[in-house]
Amino acid sequence: MKRNSLVFGIISGVIISTFMGVSMAIMSCGSSEKDGGSGSMIIGFSAMAVAFSFIFVGIKNYRDKQNGGTITFGKGFLLGLMISLIASTLYVITWAVEFHFFIPDFMDRYSAIQVKQLRESGMSGAALDEGLKRIESANYNYKHNPFFFAMYTYMEILPVGIVITLISALILKRKIPVTDLQ
């Protein structure tokens, strides 16, 4: 099970990290600032779904080739979770390198977009001030607190992996080998 989680986690992580790297390079060139990055987000979540399809493949591979054609929901979920964690960790590492060495102004530009959207929302007074403080605080923490940076980045990707893990474990669970069903 460890080998499967490592192999399929690395494959998934390389795919999502590559997509993210290309997407962020395009965004850093200014092509998606007009839409607030929503085009990049669509590409990013689509890439996550494609990369995390290897959760399904990894669970199925383990069930059919190494576990006699059976797998419980719990074991499938655990395997999928390990694949998700490995892939997500590669994503976080890739983003850390890209952010700190190639796009260090990303958070400032992202915060500027958030401030603009907040001001255009019609909010005013204390609510606007509170919103601006939250944006400023998140910007500071993201740039200066490695724990906050890592957790924020994991929260971009890991929930998608967990959802796909749940679906895959439910679809692939099997208590009786296929040969015994015939």
C-alpha atoms as a PDB file:
ATOM      1  CA  MET A   1       0.000   0.000   0.000  1.00  0.00           C
ATOM      2  CA  LYS A   2       2.898   2.358   0.764  1.00  0.00           C
ATOM      3  CA  ARG A   3       4.408   1.799  -2.676  1.00  0.00           C
ATOM      4  CA  ASN A   4       1.081   2.508  -4.387  1.00  0.00           C
ATOM      5  CA  SER A   5       0.527   5.683  -2.392  1.00  0.00           C
ATOM      6  CA  LEU A   6       4.043   6.890  -3.163  1.00  0.00           C
ATOM      7  CA  VAL A   7       3.936   6.108  -6.899  1.00  0.00           C
ATOM      8  CA  PHE A   8       0.462   7.511  -7.539  1.00  0.00           C
ATOM      9  CA  GLY A   9       0.989  10.425  -5.133  1.00  0.00           C
ATOM     10  CA  ILE A  10       4.148  11.467  -6.988  1.00  0.00           C
ATOM     11  CA  ILE A  11       2.467  11.136 -10.391  1.00  0.00           C
ATOM     12  CA  SER A  12      -0.491  13.200  -9.197  1.00  0.00           C
ATOM     13  CA  GLY A  13       1.780  15.746  -7.496  1.00  0.00           C
ATOM     14  CA  VAL A  14       3.956  16.217 -10.575  1.00  0.00           C
ATOM     15  CA  ILE A  15       0.886  16.752 -12.766  1.00  0.00           C
ATOM     16  CA  ILE A  16      -0.752  19.307 -10.466  1.00  0.00           C
ATOM     17  CA  SER A  17       2.548  21.064  -9.745  1.00  0.00           C
ATOM     18  CA  THR A  18       3.257  21.379 -13.463  1.00  0.00           C
ATOM     19  CA  PHE A  19      -0.205  22.770 -14.174  1.00  0.00           C
ATOM     20  CA  MET A  20       0.077  25.170 -11.248  1.00  0.00           C
ATOM     21  CA  GLY A  21       3.532  26.307 -12.291  1.00  0.00           C
ATOM     22  CA  VAL A  22       2.415  27.040 -15.842  1.00  0.00           C
ATOM     23  CA  SER A  23      -0.810  28.682 -14.673  1.00  0.00           C
ATOM     24  CA  MET A  24       1.022  30.947 -12.246  1.00  0.00           C
ATOM     25  CA  ALA A  25       3.633  31.843 -14.855  1.00  0.00           C
ATOM     26  CA  ILE A  26       0.831  32.909 -17.192  1.00  0.00           C
ATOM     27  CA  MET A  27      -0.889  34.828 -14.397  1.00  0.00           C
ATOM     28  CA  SER A  28       2.343  36.536 -13.359  1.00  0.00           C
ATOM     29  CA  CYS A  29       2.627  37.866 -16.894  1.00  0.00           C
ATOM     30  CA  GLY A  30      -0.614  39.740 -16.220  1.00  0.00           C
ATOM     31  CA  SER A  31      -2.915  37.785 -18.497  1.00  0.00           C
ATOM     32  CA  SER A  32      -5.475  36.959 -15.796  1.00  0.00           C
ATOM     33  CA  GLU A  33      -5.370  40.054 -13.608  1.00  0.00           C
ATOM     34  CA  LYS A  34      -8.313  41.527 -15.521  1.00  0.00           C
ATOM     35  CA  ASP A  35     -10.623  38.794 -14.257  1.00  0.00           C
ATOM     36  CA  GLY A  36      -9.136  38.654 -10.757  1.00  0.00           C
ATOM     37  CA  GLY A  37      -7.508  35.314 -11.486  1.00  0.00           C
ATOM     38  CA  SER A  38     -10.785  33.436 -11.993  1.00  0.00           C
ATOM     39  CA  GLY A  39      -9.539  32.017 -15.308  1.00  0.00           C
ATOM     40  CA  SER A  40      -6.491  30.690 -13.518  1.00  0.00           C
ATOM     41  CA  MET A  41      -8.683  29.246 -10.784  1.00  0.00           C
ATOM     42  CA  ILE A  42     -10.808  27.355 -13.324  1.00  0.00           C
ATOM     43  CA  ILE A  43      -7.678  25.915 -14.920  1.00  0.00           C
ATOM     44  CA  GLY A  44      -6.290  25.119 -11.471  1.00  0.00           C
ATOM     45  CA  PHE A  45      -9.343  23.240 -10.214  1.00  0.00           C
ATOM     46  CA  SER A  46      -9.637  21.382 -13.526  1.00  0.00           C
ATOM     47  CA  ALA A  47      -5.976  20.381 -13.226  1.00  0.00           C
ATOM     48  CA  MET A  48      -6.592  19.212  -9.654  1.00  0.00           C
ATOM     49  CA  ALA A  49      -9.433  16.991 -10.839  1.00  0.00           C
ATOM     50  CA  VAL A  50      -7.239  15.515 -13.607  1.00  0.00           C
ATOM     51  CA  ALA A  51      -4.261  14.998 -11.285  1.00  0.00           C
ATOM     52  CA  PHE A  52      -6.389  13.553  -8.513  1.00  0.00           C
ATOM     53  CA  SER A  53      -7.906  11.027 -10.920  1.00  0.00           C
ATOM     54  CA  PHE A  54      -4.779   9.071  -9.998  1.00  0.00           C
ATOM     55  CA  ILE A  55      -6.349   8.541  -6.573  1.00  0.00           C
ATOM     56  CA  PHE A  56      -8.968   6.388  -8.289  1.00  0.00           C
ATOM     57  CA  VAL A  57      -6.297   4.647 -10.380  1.00  0.00           C
ATOM     58  CA  GLY A  58      -4.110   4.021  -7.324  1.00  0.00           C
ATOM     59  CA  ILE A  59      -6.940   2.544  -5.249  1.00  0.00           C
ATOM     60  CA  LYS A  60      -8.103   0.372  -8.161  1.00  0.00           C
ATOM     61  CA  ASN A  61      -4.558  -0.784  -8.871  1.00  0.00           C
ATOM     62  CA  TYR A  62      -4.055  -1.783  -5.239  1.00  0.00           C
ATOM     63  CA  ARG A  63      -7.425  -3.527  -5.032  1.00  0.00           C
ATOM     64  CA  ASP A  64      -7.038  -5.497  -8.263  1.00  0.00           C
ATOM     65  CA  LYS A  65      -3.304  -6.275  -8.369  1.00  0.00           C
ATOM     66  CA  GLN A  66      -2.161  -6.449  -4.770  1.00  0.00           C
ATOM     67  CA  ASN A  67      -5.184  -7.133  -2.587  1.00  0.00           C
ATOM     68  CA  GLY A  68      -6.886 -10.031  -4.341  1.00  0.00           C
ATOM     69  CA  GLY A  69      -9.650  -7.949  -5.913  1.00  0.00           C
ATOM     70  CA  THR A  70     -11.077  -6.677  -2.624  1.00  0.00           C
ATOM     71  CA  ILE A  71     -10.795  -3.479  -0.637  1.00  0.00           C
ATOM     72  CA  THR A  72     -12.800  -1.982   2.185  1.00  0.00           C
ATOM     73  CA  PHE A  73     -13.964   1.603   2.162  1.00  0.00           C
ATOM     74  CA  GLY A  74     -11.600   2.371   5.055  1.00  0.00           C
ATOM     75  CA  LYS A  75      -8.526   0.947   3.361  1.00  0.00           C
ATOM     76  CA  GLY A  76      -9.440   2.648   0.070  1.00  0.00           C
ATOM     77  CA  PHE A  77      -9.967   5.930   1.875  1.00  0.00           C
ATOM     78  CA  LEU A  78      -6.628   5.619   3.689  1.00  0.00           C
ATOM     79  CA  LEU A  79      -4.792   4.871   0.444  1.00  0.00           C
ATOM     80  CA  GLY A  80      -6.498   7.779  -1.330  1.00  0.00           C
ATOM     81  CA  LEU A  81      -5.737  10.096   1.578  1.00  0.00           C
ATOM     82  CA  MET A  82      -2.040   9.163   1.442  1.00  0.00           C
ATOM     83  CA  ILE A  83      -1.977   9.814  -2.318  1.00  0.00           C
ATOM     84  CA  SER A  84      -3.716  13.168  -1.717  1.00  0.00           C
ATOM     85  CA  LEU A  85      -1.252  14.163   0.996  1.00  0.00           C
ATOM     86  CA  ILE A  86       1.787  13.303  -1.125  1.00  0.00           C
ATOM     87  CA  ALA A  87       0.411  15.157  -4.156  1.00  0.00           C
ATOM     88  CA  SER A  88      -0.630  18.132  -2.021  1.00  0.00           C
ATOM     89  CA  THR A  89       2.787  18.286  -0.380  1.00  0.00           C
ATOM     90  CA  LEU A  90       4.483  18.400  -3.786  1.00  0.00           C
ATOM     91  CA  TYR A  91       2.079  21.192  -4.737  1.00  0.00           C
ATOM     92  CA  VAL A  92       2.902  23.165  -1.574  1.00  0.00           C
ATOM     93  CA  ILE A  93       6.654  22.742  -2.125  1.00  0.00           C
ATOM     94  CA  THR A  94       6.387  23.784  -5.775  1.00  0.00           C
ATOM     95  CA  TRP A  95       4.313  26.830  -4.863  1.00  0.00           C
ATOM     96  CA  ALA A  96       6.756  27.786  -2.091  1.00  0.00           C
ATOM     97  CA  VAL A  97       9.658  27.757  -4.542  1.00  0.00           C
ATOM     98  CA  GLU A  98       7.690  29.608  -7.200  1.00  0.00           C
ATOM     99  CA  PHE A  99       6.312  32.185  -4.764  1.00  0.00           C
ATOM    100  CA  HIS A 100       9.520  32.932  -2.880  1.00  0.00           C
ATOM    101  CA  PHE A 101      11.919  32.898  -5.835  1.00  0.00           C
ATOM    102  CA  PHE A 102       9.927  33.795  -8.939  1.00  0.00           C
ATOM    103  CA  ILE A 103       6.727  35.635  -7.945  1.00  0.00           C
ATOM    104  CA  PRO A 104       7.483  37.318  -4.606  1.00  0.00           C
ATOM    105  CA  ASP A 105       4.993  40.106  -5.350  1.00  0.00           C
ATOM    106  CA  PHE A 106       2.109  37.686  -5.931  1.00  0.00           C
ATOM    107  CA  MET A 107       0.450  38.311  -2.566  1.00  0.00           C
ATOM    108  CA  ASP A 108       0.691  42.095  -2.971  1.00  0.00           C
ATOM    109  CA  ARG A 109      -0.979  41.886  -6.388  1.00  0.00           C
ATOM    110  CA  TYR A 110      -3.585  39.426  -5.116  1.00  0.00           C
ATOM    111  CA  SER A 111      -4.329  41.651  -2.116  1.00  0.00           C
ATOM    112  CA  ALA A 112      -4.695  44.667  -4.423  1.00  0.00           C
ATOM    113  CA  ILE A 113      -7.324  42.754  -6.419  1.00  0.00           C
ATOM    114  CA  GLN A 114      -9.150  41.832  -3.186  1.00  0.00           C
ATOM    115  CA  VAL A 115      -9.058  45.452  -1.962  1.00  0.00           C
ATOM    116  CA  LYS A 116     -10.409  46.672  -5.302  1.00  0.00           C
ATOM    117  CA  GLN A 117     -13.235  44.107  -5.219  1.00  0.00           C
ATOM    118  CA  LEU A 118     -14.040  45.010  -1.606  1.00  0.00           C
ATOM    119  CA  ARG A 119     -14.199  48.726  -2.379  1.00  0.00           C
ATOM    120  CA  GLU A 120     -16.359  48.093  -5.480  1.00  0.00           C
ATOM    121  CA  SER A 121     -18.773  45.955  -3.452  1.00  0.00           C
ATOM    122  CA  GLY A 122     -20.304  49.072  -1.949  1.00  0.00           C
ATOM    123  CA  MET A 123     -19.188  48.259   1.561  1.00  0.00           C
ATOM    124  CA  SER A 124     -18.320  51.259   3.683  1.00  0.00           C
ATOM    125  CA  GLY A 125     -17.513  52.390   7.208  1.00  0.00           C
ATOM    126  CA  ALA A 126     -16.461  49.935   9.870  1.00  0.00           C
ATOM    127  CA  ALA A 127     -17.252  46.896   7.706  1.00  0.00           C
ATOM    128  CA  LEU A 128     -14.928  48.171   4.965  1.00  0.00           C
ATOM    129  CA  ASP A 129     -12.194  48.939   7.508  1.00  0.00           C
ATOM    130  CA  GLU A 130     -12.536  45.452   8.998  1.00  0.00           C
ATOM    131  CA  GLY A 131     -12.347  43.854   5.541  1.00  0.00           C
ATOM    132  CA  LEU A 132      -9.253  45.872   4.669  1.00  0.00           C
ATOM    133  CA  LYS A 133      -7.602  44.839   7.958  1.00  0.00           C
ATOM    134  CA  ARG A 134      -8.327  41.161   7.244  1.00  0.00           C
ATOM    135  CA  ILE A 135      -6.758  41.452   3.788  1.00  0.00           C
ATOM    136  CA  GLU A 136      -3.702  43.235   5.191  1.00  0.00           C
ATOM    137  CA  SER A 137      -3.309  40.687   7.991  1.00  0.00           C
ATOM    138  CA  ALA A 138      -3.635  37.716   5.621  1.00  0.00           C
ATOM    139  CA  ASN A 139      -1.100  39.311   3.255  1.00  0.00           C
ATOM    140  CA  TYR A 140       1.400  39.795   6.089  1.00  0.00           C
ATOM    141  CA  ASN A 141       0.908  36.293   7.514  1.00  0.00           C
ATOM    142  CA  TYR A 142       1.167  34.670   4.100  1.00  0.00           C
ATOM    143  CA  LYS A 143       4.479  36.375   3.392  1.00  0.00           C
ATOM    144  CA  HIS A 144       6.046  36.119   6.867  1.00  0.00           C
ATOM    145  CA  ASN A 145       4.608  33.043   8.599  1.00  0.00           C
ATOM    146  CA  PRO A 146       5.696  29.705   7.031  1.00  0.00           C
ATOM    147  CA  PHE A 147       3.027  27.758   8.942  1.00  0.00           C
ATOM    148  CA  PHE A 148       0.253  30.082   7.699  1.00  0.00           C
ATOM    149  CA  PHE A 149       1.701  29.930   4.173  1.00  0.00           C
ATOM    150  CA  ALA A 150       1.741  26.109   4.171  1.00  0.00           C
ATOM    151  CA  MET A 151      -1.718  25.687   5.721  1.00  0.00           C
ATOM    152  CA  TYR A 152      -3.273  28.242   3.378  1.00  0.00           C
ATOM    153  CA  THR A 153      -1.722  26.460   0.388  1.00  0.00           C
ATOM    154  CA  TYR A 154      -2.819  23.008   1.606  1.00  0.00           C
ATOM    155  CA  MET A 155      -6.368  24.376   1.954  1.00  0.00           C
ATOM    156  CA  GLU A 156      -6.346  25.214  -1.762  1.00  0.00           C
ATOM    157  CA  ILE A 157      -5.764  21.639  -2.838  1.00  0.00           C
ATOM    158  CA  LEU A 158      -6.312  19.080  -0.083  1.00  0.00           C
ATOM    159  CA  PRO A 159     -10.130  19.411   0.146  1.00  0.00           C
ATOM    160  CA  VAL A 160     -10.394  18.523  -3.560  1.00  0.00           C
ATOM    161  CA  GLY A 161      -8.237  15.446  -2.942  1.00  0.00           C
ATOM    162  CA  ILE A 162     -10.361  14.398   0.023  1.00  0.00           C
ATOM    163  CA  VAL A 163     -13.594  14.678  -1.980  1.00  0.00           C
ATOM    164  CA  ILE A 164     -12.126  12.606  -4.820  1.00  0.00           C
ATOM    165  CA  THR A 165     -10.798  10.121  -2.239  1.00  0.00           C
ATOM    166  CA  LEU A 166     -14.273   9.702  -0.722  1.00  0.00           C
ATOM    167  CA  ILE A 167     -15.879   9.176  -4.116  1.00  0.00           C
ATOM    168  CA  SER A 168     -13.173   6.754  -5.261  1.00  0.00           C
ATOM    169  CA  ALA A 169     -13.256   4.703  -2.036  1.00  0.00           C
ATOM    170  CA  LEU A 170     -17.053   4.433  -2.275  1.00  0.00           C
ATOM    171  CA  ILE A 171     -17.013   3.386  -5.926  1.00  0.00           C
ATOM    172  CA  LEU A 172     -14.141   0.910  -5.602  1.00  0.00           C
ATOM    173  CA  LYS A 173     -14.972  -0.840  -2.312  1.00  0.00           C
ATOM    174  CA  ARG A 174     -15.481  -4.559  -2.813  1.00  0.00           C
ATOM    175  CA  LYS A 175     -15.647  -7.299  -0.210  1.00  0.00           C
ATOM    176  CA  ILE A 176     -15.908 -10.274  -2.567  1.00  0.00           C
ATOM    177  CA  PRO A 177     -13.332 -10.815  -5.351  1.00  0.00           C
ATOM    178  CA  VAL A 178     -14.758 -10.659  -8.884  1.00  0.00           C
ATOM    179  CA  THR A 179     -13.832 -14.323  -9.512  1.00  0.00           C
ATOM    180  CA  ASP A 180     -16.066 -15.397  -6.587  1.00  0.00           C
ATOM    181  CA  LEU A 181     -19.043 -13.497  -8.013  1.00  0.00           C
ATOM    182  CA  GLN A 182     -19.199 -15.583 -11.194  1.00  0.00           C
END
